[in-house]
C-alpha atoms as a PDB file:
ATOM      1  CA  MET A   1      45.146  42.786  95.139  1.00  0.00           C
ATOM      2  CA  HIS A   2      48.717  41.669  95.328  1.00  0.00           C
ATOM      3  CA  GLY A   3      51.246  41.696  92.355  1.00  0.00           C
ATOM      4  CA  GLU A   4      54.732  40.806  92.173  1.00  0.00           C
ATOM      5  CA  TYR A   5      57.354  41.130  89.343  1.00  0.00           C
ATOM      6  CA  LYS A   6      60.989  40.172  89.276  1.00  0.00           C
ATOM      7  CA  ILE A   7      62.610  42.833  87.064  1.00  0.00           C
ATOM      8  CA  PRO A   8      64.898  40.989  84.546  1.00  0.00           C
ATOM      9  CA  GLY A   9      68.478  41.590  85.852  1.00  0.00           C
ATOM     10  CA  GLY A  10      67.198  43.485  88.860  1.00  0.00           C
ATOM     11  CA  LYS A  11      65.199  43.009  91.966  1.00  0.00           C
ATOM     12  CA  LEU A  12      61.543  41.976  93.212  1.00  0.00           C
ATOM     13  CA  VAL A  13      58.807  44.500  93.046  1.00  0.00           C
ATOM     14  CA  VAL A  14      55.755  44.001  95.118  1.00  0.00           C
ATOM     15  CA  VAL A  15      52.597  46.002  94.936  1.00  0.00           C
ATOM     16  CA  ASP A  16      49.449  45.839  97.050  1.00  0.00           C
ATOM     17  CA  VAL A  17      46.580  47.771  95.506  1.00  0.00           C
ATOM     18  CA  GLU A  18      42.821  48.184  95.313  1.00  0.00           C
ATOM     19  CA  ALA A  19      40.546  49.215  92.398  1.00  0.00           C
ATOM     20  CA  GLU A  20      37.765  51.426  93.560  1.00  0.00           C
ATOM     21  CA  GLY A  21      35.530  53.350  91.272  1.00  0.00           C
ATOM     22  CA  GLY A  22      37.743  52.688  88.376  1.00  0.00           C
ATOM     23  CA  VAL A  23      40.971  54.103  89.886  1.00  0.00           C
ATOM     24  CA  LEU A  24      43.737  52.852  91.975  1.00  0.00           C
ATOM     25  CA  ARG A  25      43.563  53.218  95.764  1.00  0.00           C
ATOM     26  CA  HIS A  26      45.586  52.250  98.771  1.00  0.00           C
ATOM     27  CA  VAL A  27      48.834  51.720  96.681  1.00  0.00           C
ATOM     28  CA  ARG A  28      51.858  50.311  98.639  1.00  0.00           C
ATOM     29  CA  VAL A  29      55.097  49.418  96.643  1.00  0.00           C
ATOM     30  CA  ALA A  30      57.728  47.222  98.274  1.00  0.00           C
ATOM     31  CA  GLY A  31      60.619  45.076  97.471  1.00  0.00           C
ATOM     32  CA  ASP A  32      64.216  44.132  97.781  1.00  0.00           C
ATOM     33  CA  PHE A  33      65.370  46.977  95.490  1.00  0.00           C
ATOM     34  CA  PHE A  34      67.380  50.017  96.298  1.00  0.00           C
ATOM     35  CA  LEU A  35      65.960  53.664  96.165  1.00  0.00           C
ATOM     36  CA  GLU A  36      67.356  56.862  97.153  1.00  0.00           C
ATOM     37  CA  PRO A  37      66.133  59.228  98.615  1.00  0.00           C
ATOM     38  CA  ASP A  38      63.879  57.471 101.097  1.00  0.00           C
ATOM     39  CA  GLU A  39      60.995  59.805 100.207  1.00  0.00           C
ATOM     40  CA  ALA A  40      61.074  58.637  96.625  1.00  0.00           C
ATOM     41  CA  LEU A  41      59.075  55.477  97.683  1.00  0.00           C
ATOM     42  CA  GLU A  42      56.172  57.580  98.984  1.00  0.00           C
ATOM     43  CA  ALA A  43      56.420  59.707  95.776  1.00  0.00           C
ATOM     44  CA  VAL A  44      55.888  56.388  93.776  1.00  0.00           C
ATOM     45  CA  ASN A  45      52.817  55.633  95.900  1.00  0.00           C
ATOM     46  CA  ARG A  46      51.295  59.072  95.538  1.00  0.00           C
ATOM     47  CA  ALA A  47      51.870  58.952  91.638  1.00  0.00           C
ATOM     48  CA  LEU A  48      49.784  55.746  91.458  1.00  0.00           C
ATOM     49  CA  GLU A  49      47.069  56.830  93.889  1.00  0.00           C
ATOM     50  CA  GLY A  50      44.159  57.810  91.736  1.00  0.00           C
ATOM     51  CA  ALA A  51      45.441  56.676  88.447  1.00  0.00           C
ATOM     52  CA  PRO A  52      42.756  55.186  86.247  1.00  0.00           C
ATOM     53  CA  ALA A  53      42.734  51.419  86.736  1.00  0.00           C
ATOM     54  CA  ASP A  54      42.990  50.627  83.056  1.00  0.00           C
ATOM     55  CA  THR A  55      46.344  52.557  82.683  1.00  0.00           C
ATOM     56  CA  GLY A  56      48.946  50.401  80.983  1.00  0.00           C
ATOM     57  CA  ALA A  57      52.399  49.743  82.500  1.00  0.00           C
ATOM     58  CA  ALA A  58      54.018  52.553  80.255  1.00  0.00           C
ATOM     59  CA  GLY A  59      51.483  55.153  81.492  1.00  0.00           C
ATOM     60  CA  LEU A  60      51.895  54.229  85.062  1.00  0.00           C
ATOM     61  CA  ALA A  61      55.633  54.521  84.595  1.00  0.00           C
ATOM     62  CA  ALA A  62      55.273  58.050  83.074  1.00  0.00           C
ATOM     63  CA  ARG A  63      53.207  59.114  86.189  1.00  0.00           C
ATOM     64  CA  ILE A  64      56.004  57.639  88.333  1.00  0.00           C
ATOM     65  CA  ASP A  65      58.841  59.434  86.485  1.00  0.00           C
ATOM     66  CA  ALA A  66      57.048  62.720  86.685  1.00  0.00           C
ATOM     67  CA  ALA A  67      56.613  62.464  90.379  1.00  0.00           C
ATOM     68  CA  LEU A  68      60.031  61.392  91.546  1.00  0.00           C
ATOM     69  CA  PRO A  69      62.176  63.854  93.475  1.00  0.00           C
ATOM     70  CA  GLU A  70      65.032  65.298  91.503  1.00  0.00           C
ATOM     71  CA  GLY A  71      68.204  63.289  91.754  1.00  0.00           C
ATOM     72  CA  THR A  72      66.342  59.921  92.457  1.00  0.00           C
ATOM     73  CA  VAL A  73      68.468  56.946  92.094  1.00  0.00           C
ATOM     74  CA  MET A  74      67.012  53.399  91.406  1.00  0.00           C
ATOM     75  CA  TYR A  75      69.077  50.297  91.586  1.00  0.00           C
ATOM     76  CA  GLY A  76      67.362  46.976  90.717  1.00  0.00           C
ATOM     77  CA  LEU A  77      64.170  48.941  90.281  1.00  0.00           C
ATOM     78  CA  THR A  78      62.600  50.735  87.202  1.00  0.00           C
ATOM     79  CA  SER A  79      59.386  52.786  86.923  1.00  0.00           C
ATOM     80  CA  GLU A  80      58.214  50.409  84.125  1.00  0.00           C
ATOM     81  CA  GLY A  81      58.743  47.379  86.379  1.00  0.00           C
ATOM     82  CA  VAL A  82      56.487  49.061  89.051  1.00  0.00           C
ATOM     83  CA  GLY A  83      54.013  49.578  86.482  1.00  0.00           C
ATOM     84  CA  VAL A  84      54.075  45.800  85.431  1.00  0.00           C
ATOM     85  CA  ALA A  85      53.594  44.732  89.067  1.00  0.00           C
ATOM     86  CA  VAL A  86      50.637  46.934  89.263  1.00  0.00           C
ATOM     87  CA  ARG A  87      49.188  45.451  86.053  1.00  0.00           C
ATOM     88  CA  ARG A  88      49.928  41.742  87.436  1.00  0.00           C
ATOM     89  CA  ALA A  89      48.134  42.790  90.777  1.00  0.00           C
ATOM     90  CA  LEU A  90      44.862  43.861  88.861  1.00  0.00           C
ATOM     91  CA  ALA A  91      45.123  40.769  86.569  1.00  0.00           C
ATOM     92  CA  HIS A  92      45.338  38.481  89.582  1.00  0.00           C
ATOM     93  CA  ALA A  93      48.543  36.935  88.231  1.00  0.00           C
ATOM     94  CA  THR A  94      50.176  34.133  89.911  1.00  0.00           C
ATOM     95  CA  ASP A  95      53.730  33.765  91.037  1.00  0.00           C
ATOM     96  CA  TRP A  96      56.297  30.752  90.180  1.00  0.00           C
ATOM     97  CA  THR A  97      56.066  29.679  93.843  1.00  0.00           C
ATOM     98  CA  ASP A  98      52.253  29.152  93.636  1.00  0.00           C
ATOM     99  CA  TYR A  99      52.866  25.938  91.588  1.00  0.00           C
ATOM    100  CA  ASP A 100      54.282  22.524  91.998  1.00  0.00           C
ATOM    101  CA  TRP A 101      56.718  22.262  89.172  1.00  0.00           C
ATOM    102  CA  GLN A 102      57.396  18.954  87.350  1.00  0.00           C
ATOM    103  CA  LEU A 103      60.550  18.148  85.598  1.00  0.00           C
ATOM    104  CA  ILE A 104      60.530  15.877  82.422  1.00  0.00           C
ATOM    105  CA  HIS A 105      64.031  14.717  81.343  1.00  0.00           C
ATOM    106  CA  GLU A 106      63.895  11.540  79.376  1.00  0.00           C
ATOM    107  CA  GLY A 107      66.012   9.736  76.787  1.00  0.00           C
ATOM    108  CA  PRO A 108      66.681  10.837  73.190  1.00  0.00           C
ATOM    109  CA  GLN A 109      63.595  11.390  70.941  1.00  0.00           C
ATOM    110  CA  SER A 110      63.081  12.221  67.351  1.00  0.00           C
ATOM    111  CA  PRO A 111      62.745  15.924  66.227  1.00  0.00           C
ATOM    112  CA  ALA A 112      59.105  15.306  65.174  1.00  0.00           C
ATOM    113  CA  LEU A 113      58.127  13.909  68.554  1.00  0.00           C
ATOM    114  CA  HIS A 114      59.733  16.783  70.524  1.00  0.00           C
ATOM    115  CA  MET A 115      57.485  19.038  68.485  1.00  0.00           C
ATOM    116  CA  ALA A 116      54.494  16.932  69.205  1.00  0.00           C
ATOM    117  CA  LEU A 117      55.369  16.676  73.009  1.00  0.00           C
ATOM    118  CA  ASP A 118      55.352  20.437  73.188  1.00  0.00           C
ATOM    119  CA  GLU A 119      51.988  20.810  71.750  1.00  0.00           C
ATOM    120  CA  VAL A 120      50.339  17.942  73.746  1.00  0.00           C
ATOM    121  CA  LEU A 121      52.010  18.866  77.189  1.00  0.00           C
ATOM    122  CA  THR A 122      51.208  22.543  76.936  1.00  0.00           C
ATOM    123  CA  ALA A 123      47.606  21.598  76.101  1.00  0.00           C
ATOM    124  CA  GLU A 124      47.408  19.472  79.093  1.00  0.00           C
ATOM    125  CA  VAL A 125      48.657  22.297  81.244  1.00  0.00           C
ATOM    126  CA  ALA A 126      46.087  24.584  79.615  1.00  0.00           C
ATOM    127  CA  ALA A 127      43.299  21.973  80.491  1.00  0.00           C
ATOM    128  CA  GLY A 128      44.521  21.705  84.131  1.00  0.00           C
ATOM    129  CA  ARG A 129      45.403  18.129  83.763  1.00  0.00           C
ATOM    130  CA  ARG A 130      49.054  18.567  84.104  1.00  0.00           C
ATOM    131  CA  PRO A 131      51.075  20.787  86.620  1.00  0.00           C
ATOM    132  CA  PRO A 132      53.459  23.509  85.099  1.00  0.00           C
ATOM    133  CA  THR A 133      56.168  21.617  83.495  1.00  0.00           C
ATOM    134  CA  LEU A 134      60.004  22.097  82.718  1.00  0.00           C
ATOM    135  CA  ARG A 135      61.043  19.610  79.905  1.00  0.00           C
ATOM    136  CA  VAL A 136      64.597  19.024  78.995  1.00  0.00           C
ATOM    137  CA  TRP A 137      64.995  17.615  75.614  1.00  0.00           C
ATOM    138  CA  GLU A 138      67.412  15.071  74.393  1.00  0.00           C
ATOM    139  CA  TRP A 139      67.812  14.868  70.641  1.00  0.00           C
ATOM    140  CA  GLY A 140      67.719  11.556  68.868  1.00  0.00           C
ATOM    141  CA  SER A 141      69.183  12.930  65.590  1.00  0.00           C
ATOM    142  CA  PRO A 142      70.442  16.259  64.178  1.00  0.00           C
ATOM    143  CA  ALA A 143      67.672  18.765  62.941  1.00  0.00           C
ATOM    144  CA  VAL A 144      66.826  22.038  61.663  1.00  0.00           C
ATOM    145  CA  ILE A 145      63.625  23.402  63.415  1.00  0.00           C
ATOM    146  CA  ILE A 146      62.041  26.320  61.480  1.00  0.00           C
ATOM    147  CA  GLY A 147      59.501  28.792  62.973  1.00  0.00           C
ATOM    148  CA  SER A 148      55.682  28.504  62.471  1.00  0.00           C
ATOM    149  CA  PHE A 149      55.878  31.378  59.956  1.00  0.00           C
ATOM    150  CA  GLN A 150      59.041  30.888  58.131  1.00  0.00           C
ATOM    151  CA  SER A 151      59.465  30.008  54.507  1.00  0.00           C
ATOM    152  CA  LEU A 152      60.999  26.518  54.238  1.00  0.00           C
ATOM    153  CA  ARG A 153      63.069  27.142  51.072  1.00  0.00           C
ATOM    154  CA  ASN A 154      64.196  30.661  52.255  1.00  0.00           C
ATOM    155  CA  GLU A 155      65.495  29.159  55.683  1.00  0.00           C
ATOM    156  CA  VAL A 156      66.891  25.753  54.745  1.00  0.00           C
ATOM    157  CA  ASP A 157      69.350  24.516  51.986  1.00  0.00           C
ATOM    158  CA  ALA A 158      67.632  21.411  51.077  1.00  0.00           C
ATOM    159  CA  GLU A 159      70.744  19.930  49.395  1.00  0.00           C
ATOM    160  CA  GLY A 160      73.024  20.692  52.439  1.00  0.00           C
ATOM    161  CA  ALA A 161      70.508  19.164  54.890  1.00  0.00           C
ATOM    162  CA  ALA A 162      70.230  16.036  52.884  1.00  0.00           C
ATOM    163  CA  ARG A 163      73.930  15.779  52.619  1.00  0.00           C
ATOM    164  CA  HIS A 164      74.380  15.979  56.328  1.00  0.00           C
ATOM    165  CA  GLY A 165      71.436  13.723  57.079  1.00  0.00           C
ATOM    166  CA  ILE A 166      69.551  16.525  58.917  1.00  0.00           C
ATOM    167  CA  GLU A 167      65.763  16.263  59.311  1.00  0.00           C
ATOM    168  CA  VAL A 168      63.801  19.495  59.007  1.00  0.00           C
ATOM    169  CA  VAL A 169      60.737  20.078  61.060  1.00  0.00           C
ATOM    170  CA  ARG A 170      58.494  23.048  61.686  1.00  0.00           C
ATOM    171  CA  ARG A 171      57.318  23.927  65.358  1.00  0.00           C
ATOM    172  CA  ILE A 172      54.156  25.566  66.362  1.00  0.00           C
ATOM    173  CA  SER A 173      55.755  28.813  67.791  1.00  0.00           C
ATOM    174  CA  GLY A 174      57.195  31.692  65.758  1.00  0.00           C
ATOM    175  CA  GLY A 175      60.742  32.863  65.583  1.00  0.00           C
ATOM    176  CA  GLY A 176      63.600  31.792  63.703  1.00  0.00           C
ATOM    177  CA  ALA A 177      65.474  28.681  62.635  1.00  0.00           C
ATOM    178  CA  MET A 178      67.364  26.424  64.989  1.00  0.00           C
ATOM    179  CA  PHE A 179      70.220  24.152  64.097  1.00  0.00           C
ATOM    180  CA  VAL A 180      70.756  21.254  66.487  1.00  0.00           C
ATOM    181  CA  GLU A 181      72.966  18.260  66.959  1.00  0.00           C
ATOM    182  CA  PRO A 182      72.859  15.644  69.738  1.00  0.00           C
ATOM    183  CA  GLY A 183      75.254  16.564  72.397  1.00  0.00           C
ATOM    184  CA  ASN A 184      75.841  20.162  71.065  1.00  0.00           C
ATOM    185  CA  THR A 185      72.511  21.742  72.112  1.00  0.00           C
ATOM    186  CA  ILE A 186      70.638  22.290  75.402  1.00  0.00           C
ATOM    187  CA  THR A 187      66.923  22.669  74.725  1.00  0.00           C
ATOM    188  CA  TYR A 188      64.197  22.971  77.314  1.00  0.00           C
ATOM    189  CA  SER A 189      60.442  23.857  77.198  1.00  0.00           C
ATOM    190  CA  LEU A 190      58.338  25.497  79.840  1.00  0.00           C
ATOM    191  CA  SER A 191      54.524  24.700  79.814  1.00  0.00           C
ATOM    192  CA  VAL A 192      53.096  27.083  82.122  1.00  0.00           C
ATOM    193  CA  PRO A 193      49.508  28.453  83.086  1.00  0.00           C
ATOM    194  CA  GLU A 194      48.504  31.746  81.328  1.00  0.00           C
ATOM    195  CA  ALA A 195      48.078  33.207  84.870  1.00  0.00           C
ATOM    196  CA  LEU A 196      51.859  33.198  85.447  1.00  0.00           C
ATOM    197  CA  VAL A 197      52.326  35.809  82.727  1.00  0.00           C
ATOM    198  CA  GLN A 198      49.135  37.826  83.338  1.00  0.00           C
ATOM    199  CA  GLY A 199      49.624  41.467  83.202  1.00  0.00           C
ATOM    200  CA  LEU A 200      52.938  41.178  81.046  1.00  0.00           C
ATOM    201  CA  SER A 201      53.342  42.319  77.631  1.00  0.00           C
ATOM    202  CA  PHE A 202      54.418  39.692  75.062  1.00  0.00           C
ATOM    203  CA  GLN A 203      57.949  41.145  75.190  1.00  0.00           C
ATOM    204  CA  ASP A 204      58.150  41.227  79.058  1.00  0.00           C
ATOM    205  CA  SER A 205      56.791  37.502  79.300  1.00  0.00           C
ATOM    206  CA  TYR A 206      59.908  36.620  77.377  1.00  0.00           C
ATOM    207  CA  ALA A 207      62.227  38.357  79.906  1.00  0.00           C
ATOM    208  CA  TYR A 208      60.168  37.036  82.846  1.00  0.00           C
ATOM    209  CA  LEU A 209      60.387  33.427  81.714  1.00  0.00           C
ATOM    210  CA  ASP A 210      64.022  33.602  80.787  1.00  0.00           C
ATOM    211  CA  ASP A 211      65.049  35.170  84.199  1.00  0.00           C
ATOM    212  CA  TRP A 212      65.716  31.960  86.022  1.00  0.00           C
ATOM    213  CA  VAL A 213      68.142  30.742  83.392  1.00  0.00           C
ATOM    214  CA  LEU A 214      69.989  34.047  83.641  1.00  0.00           C
ATOM    215  CA  GLY A 215      70.459  33.496  87.141  1.00  0.00           C
ATOM    216  CA  ALA A 216      71.550  29.856  86.533  1.00  0.00           C
ATOM    217  CA  LEU A 217      74.152  31.043  84.062  1.00  0.00           C
ATOM    218  CA  GLY A 218      75.355  33.567  86.550  1.00  0.00           C
ATOM    219  CA  GLU A 219      76.075  30.967  89.050  1.00  0.00           C
ATOM    220  CA  MET A 220      78.264  29.290  86.525  1.00  0.00           C
ATOM    221  CA  GLY A 221      80.215  32.447  86.192  1.00  0.00           C
ATOM    222  CA  ILE A 222      78.594  33.692  82.866  1.00  0.00           C
ATOM    223  CA  ARG A 223      77.051  37.224  82.949  1.00  0.00           C
ATOM    224  CA  ALA A 224      74.165  36.748  80.596  1.00  0.00           C
ATOM    225  CA  TRP A 225      71.188  39.077  79.809  1.00  0.00           C
ATOM    226  CA  TYR A 226      67.878  38.987  77.888  1.00  0.00           C
ATOM    227  CA  GLN A 227      68.164  40.725  74.532  1.00  0.00           C
ATOM    228  CA  PRO A 228      64.806  41.601  72.987  1.00  0.00           C
ATOM    229  CA  LEU A 229      62.894  40.091  71.651  1.00  0.00           C
ATOM    230  CA  ASN A 230      63.883  36.535  72.117  1.00  0.00           C
ATOM    231  CA  ASP A 231      67.734  36.118  72.542  1.00  0.00           C
ATOM    232  CA  ILE A 232      69.887  35.487  75.608  1.00  0.00           C
ATOM    233  CA  ALA A 233      73.375  37.088  75.144  1.00  0.00           C
ATOM    234  CA  THR A 234      76.607  37.514  76.769  1.00  0.00           C
ATOM    235  CA  ASP A 235      79.551  39.892  75.901  1.00  0.00           C
ATOM    236  CA  GLN A 236      80.861  36.969  73.843  1.00  0.00           C
ATOM    237  CA  GLY A 237      77.743  36.707  71.693  1.00  0.00           C
ATOM    238  CA  LYS A 238      74.377  35.044  71.497  1.00  0.00           C
ATOM    239  CA  ILE A 239      74.126  31.801  73.381  1.00  0.00           C
ATOM    240  CA  ALA A 240      70.361  31.068  73.191  1.00  0.00           C
ATOM    241  CA  GLY A 241      67.103  31.907  71.454  1.00  0.00           C
ATOM    242  CA  ALA A 242      63.537  31.545  72.642  1.00  0.00           C
ATOM    243  CA  ALA A 243      60.154  31.172  71.179  1.00  0.00           C
ATOM    244  CA  GLN A 244      56.517  31.147  72.477  1.00  0.00           C
ATOM    245  CA  LYS A 245      53.147  29.896  71.645  1.00  0.00           C
ATOM    246  CA  ARG A 246      49.941  30.656  73.460  1.00  0.00           C
ATOM    247  CA  VAL A 247      47.439  27.768  73.781  1.00  0.00           C
ATOM    248  CA  VAL A 248      43.735  28.520  74.546  1.00  0.00           C
ATOM    249  CA  GLY A 249      42.132  26.537  77.440  1.00  0.00           C
ATOM    250  CA  PRO A 250      38.923  24.289  77.004  1.00  0.00           C
ATOM    251  CA  GLY A 251      35.902  26.443  76.003  1.00  0.00           C
ATOM    252  CA  GLY A 252      38.096  29.375  75.277  1.00  0.00           C
ATOM    253  CA  GLY A 253      38.906  29.751  78.978  1.00  0.00           C
ATOM    254  CA  PRO A 254      42.409  30.646  80.408  1.00  0.00           C
ATOM    255  CA  GLY A 255      45.083  28.809  78.687  1.00  0.00           C
ATOM    256  CA  ALA A 256      48.716  28.129  78.869  1.00  0.00           C
ATOM    257  CA  VAL A 257      52.064  29.426  77.363  1.00  0.00           C
ATOM    258  CA  LEU A 258      54.610  27.376  75.854  1.00  0.00           C
ATOM    259  CA  HIS A 259      58.147  28.982  76.162  1.00  0.00           C
ATOM    260  CA  HIS A 260      61.075  26.980  74.782  1.00  0.00           C
ATOM    261  CA  VAL A 261      64.809  27.757  74.513  1.00  0.00           C
ATOM    262  CA  THR A 262      67.656  26.381  72.466  1.00  0.00           C
ATOM    263  CA  MET A 263      71.054  27.026  73.880  1.00  0.00           C
ATOM    264  CA  SER A 264      74.356  26.492  71.824  1.00  0.00           C
ATOM    265  CA  TYR A 265      76.570  24.227  73.947  1.00  0.00           C
ATOM    266  CA  ASP A 266      78.875  23.543  71.137  1.00  0.00           C
ATOM    267  CA  ILE A 267      78.306  24.040  67.438  1.00  0.00           C
ATOM    268  CA  ASP A 268      79.694  23.014  64.063  1.00  0.00           C
ATOM    269  CA  ALA A 269      79.394  26.506  62.456  1.00  0.00           C
ATOM    270  CA  ASP A 270      80.682  25.405  59.071  1.00  0.00           C
ATOM    271  CA  LYS A 271      77.930  22.689  58.791  1.00  0.00           C
ATOM    272  CA  MET A 272      75.247  25.254  60.153  1.00  0.00           C
ATOM    273  CA  LEU A 273      76.055  27.577  57.371  1.00  0.00           C
ATOM    274  CA  GLU A 274      75.755  24.751  54.715  1.00  0.00           C
ATOM    275  CA  VAL A 275      72.424  23.942  55.983  1.00  0.00           C
ATOM    276  CA  LEU A 276      70.738  27.293  57.008  1.00  0.00           C
ATOM    277  CA  ARG A 277      70.338  30.124  54.609  1.00  0.00           C
ATOM    278  CA  ILE A 278      71.402  32.928  56.793  1.00  0.00           C
ATOM    279  CA  GLY A 279      70.676  36.219  54.584  1.00  0.00           C
ATOM    280  CA  ARG A 280      72.651  39.268  54.683  1.00  0.00           C
ATOM    281  CA  GLU A 281      69.609  41.244  55.715  1.00  0.00           C
ATOM    282  CA  LYS A 282      69.085  39.199  58.821  1.00  0.00           C
ATOM    283  CA  MET A 283      72.716  39.602  59.888  1.00  0.00           C
ATOM    284  CA  SER A 284      72.714  43.371  59.154  1.00  0.00           C
ATOM    285  CA  ASP A 285      70.371  44.229  61.898  1.00  0.00           C
ATOM    286  CA  LYS A 286      72.640  42.322  64.354  1.00  0.00           C
ATOM    287  CA  GLY A 287      75.526  44.631  63.624  1.00  0.00           C
ATOM    288  CA  ILE A 288      77.776  41.711  62.590  1.00  0.00           C
ATOM    289  CA  LYS A 289      79.207  40.295  59.273  1.00  0.00           C
ATOM    290  CA  SER A 290      79.353  36.599  60.074  1.00  0.00           C
ATOM    291  CA  ALA A 291      76.885  34.052  61.591  1.00  0.00           C
ATOM    292  CA  LYS A 292      79.776  32.245  63.044  1.00  0.00           C
ATOM    293  CA  LYS A 293      80.535  35.214  65.282  1.00  0.00           C
ATOM    294  CA  ARG A 294      77.006  35.618  66.325  1.00  0.00           C
ATOM    295  CA  VAL A 295      76.778  32.270  68.426  1.00  0.00           C
ATOM    296  CA  ASP A 296      79.336  31.689  71.151  1.00  0.00           C
ATOM    297  CA  PRO A 297      78.876  28.254  72.710  1.00  0.00           C
ATOM    298  CA  LEU A 298      78.577  27.459  76.366  1.00  0.00           C
ATOM    299  CA  ARG A 299      81.219  24.808  76.142  1.00  0.00           C
ATOM    300  CA  ARG A 300      83.851  27.392  75.611  1.00  0.00           C
ATOM    301  CA  GLN A 301      82.403  29.881  78.132  1.00  0.00           C
ATOM    302  CA  THR A 302      81.840  27.539  81.086  1.00  0.00           C
ATOM    303  CA  GLY A 303      84.474  24.750  80.379  1.00  0.00           C
ATOM    304  CA  LEU A 304      81.846  22.382  81.841  1.00  0.00           C
ATOM    305  CA  ALA A 305      80.467  19.127  80.392  1.00  0.00           C
ATOM    306  CA  ARG A 306      77.072  19.523  78.971  1.00  0.00           C
ATOM    307  CA  GLU A 307      75.491  17.171  81.473  1.00  0.00           C
ATOM    308  CA  THR A 308      77.010  19.494  84.184  1.00  0.00           C
ATOM    309  CA  VAL A 309      75.506  22.458  82.719  1.00  0.00           C
ATOM    310  CA  ILE A 310      72.051  21.063  82.639  1.00  0.00           C
ATOM    311  CA  ASP A 311      72.274  19.688  86.139  1.00  0.00           C
ATOM    312  CA  ARG A 312      73.310  23.148  87.427  1.00  0.00           C
ATOM    313  CA  MET A 313      70.583  24.800  85.710  1.00  0.00           C
ATOM    314  CA  LEU A 314      68.023  22.347  87.152  1.00  0.00           C
ATOM    315  CA  ASP A 315      69.551  22.745  90.546  1.00  0.00           C
ATOM    316  CA  SER A 316      69.085  26.496  90.241  1.00  0.00           C
ATOM    317  CA  PHE A 317      65.354  26.133  89.249  1.00  0.00           C
ATOM    318  CA  ARG A 318      64.787  23.638  91.995  1.00  0.00           C
ATOM    319  CA  ALA A 319      66.340  25.946  94.652  1.00  0.00           C
ATOM    320  CA  ARG A 320      64.197  28.947  93.456  1.00  0.00           C
ATOM    321  CA  TYR A 321      60.716  27.295  92.741  1.00  0.00           C
ATOM    322  CA  GLY A 322      60.979  23.507  93.607  1.00  0.00           C
ATOM    323  CA  LEU A 323      61.001  20.903  91.074  1.00  0.00           C
ATOM    324  CA  THR A 324      59.736  17.165  91.151  1.00  0.00           C
ATOM    325  CA  THR A 325      60.879  14.657  88.740  1.00  0.00           C
ATOM    326  CA  GLY A 326      57.971  13.262  86.533  1.00  0.00           C
ATOM    327  CA  HIS A 327      57.355  11.518  83.248  1.00  0.00           C
ATOM    328  CA  VAL A 328      55.325  11.803  80.105  1.00  0.00           C
ATOM    329  CA  ALA A 329      52.184   9.961  80.881  1.00  0.00           C
ATOM    330  CA  PRO A 330      51.332   6.884  78.537  1.00  0.00           C
ATOM    331  CA  GLY A 331      48.278   8.785  77.263  1.00  0.00           C
ATOM    332  CA  GLU A 332      50.290  11.896  76.564  1.00  0.00           C
ATOM    333  CA  MET A 333      52.892   9.901  74.777  1.00  0.00           C
ATOM    334  CA  ALA A 334      50.259   8.165  72.630  1.00  0.00           C
ATOM    335  CA  ARG A 335      48.876  11.469  71.572  1.00  0.00           C
ATOM    336  CA  ALA A 336      52.322  12.863  70.952  1.00  0.00           C
ATOM    337  CA  GLU A 337      53.259  10.036  68.693  1.00  0.00           C
ATOM    338  CA  GLU A 338      50.179  10.087  66.770  1.00  0.00           C
ATOM    339  CA  LEU A 339      50.624  13.855  66.190  1.00  0.00           C
ATOM    340  CA  ALA A 340      54.188  13.451  65.318  1.00  0.00           C
ATOM    341  CA  GLY A 341      53.053  11.126  62.504  1.00  0.00           C
ATOM    342  CA  ALA A 342      49.912  13.052  61.368  1.00  0.00           C
ATOM    343  CA  LYS A 343      51.442  16.518  61.497  1.00  0.00           C
ATOM    344  CA  PHE A 344      55.060  17.012  62.219  1.00  0.00           C
ATOM    345  CA  THR A 345      56.481  14.573  59.740  1.00  0.00           C
ATOM    346  CA  ASP A 346      53.881  15.566  57.094  1.00  0.00           C
ATOM    347  CA  LEU A 347      55.210  17.772  54.424  1.00  0.00           C
ATOM    348  CA  ARG A 348      51.828  19.578  54.238  1.00  0.00           C
ATOM    349  CA  TRP A 349      52.766  21.007  57.621  1.00  0.00           C
ATOM    350  CA  THR A 350      56.502  21.380  57.300  1.00  0.00           C
ATOM    351  CA  ALA A 351      56.170  23.030  53.794  1.00  0.00           C
ATOM    352  CA  ARG A 352      52.901  24.941  54.471  1.00  0.00           C
ATOM    353  CA  ILE A 353      54.938  28.075  53.879  1.00  0.00           C
ATOM    354  CA  PRO A 354      57.054  26.708  50.935  1.00  0.00           C
END
């Protein structure tokens, strides 16, 4: 069995392993990481040999740490990362390059239709009728998008939203509220087979699915990193937030993962604060006093036009994994339009948690 894991901010770890009699056998770890001294690699292999096959990534990392020679130096490699690669091998996980990725980047659409497209396209990937898809959103109007489990009145100032003509919609994924305006936000969705994140914890899947965009930002001169659980940050502040939803496949079989990210290209912070109720408790665990200081837009950090930032992101993804331009199929759009009207513009959904 073969497993690979690109450590966020680090290097690729590759593991070949067999499971015989409930334990790991013939373990071989490789990759483009740096490790000193040379004999430390064999120590890693020996630590994993004979481990119970159901040992979690943390348990495997503990075995590795206990076996490493004194003074071992890892660069681009972590014991936990090796453990994750082992778990992915045992779970028969796939890799990004195993798929033919499709890009959808169409004209501006309503907030409710964007919510519906995420649900429909991810269900199509889960059913095997659509290839893994990267969809870049264009916003037809300003909006606040609240998480699936958030209280509407606790998150949104209804009077402020009405005053500024901002629609409020609820998405199917968890996480926090997003304030978006056309031209000021970069939003994208990844609809991927569940097999791509097999062997990863929920937290690790966020880092794994965000890694490509960290590389793209780095190519634009921005040193960004994944900040658990679902933020992308730089030394200037947060620039993006992610959310996920797992979709079960037909008949309860293997499904798909929706991973969507909203990046602040530019932001009207004063308007945002009039529309969102950002509580002191939420800010206190971020170590800051002002929501304005928490978000630092890409426009200021890159000096590039929004369209250029998007193009460079897509070029980076394409160079890594391949990317073919596609479209929302007529049947998919019809279902999304029906769902937008029946669910995402219905107050029974939007205010399901008042």
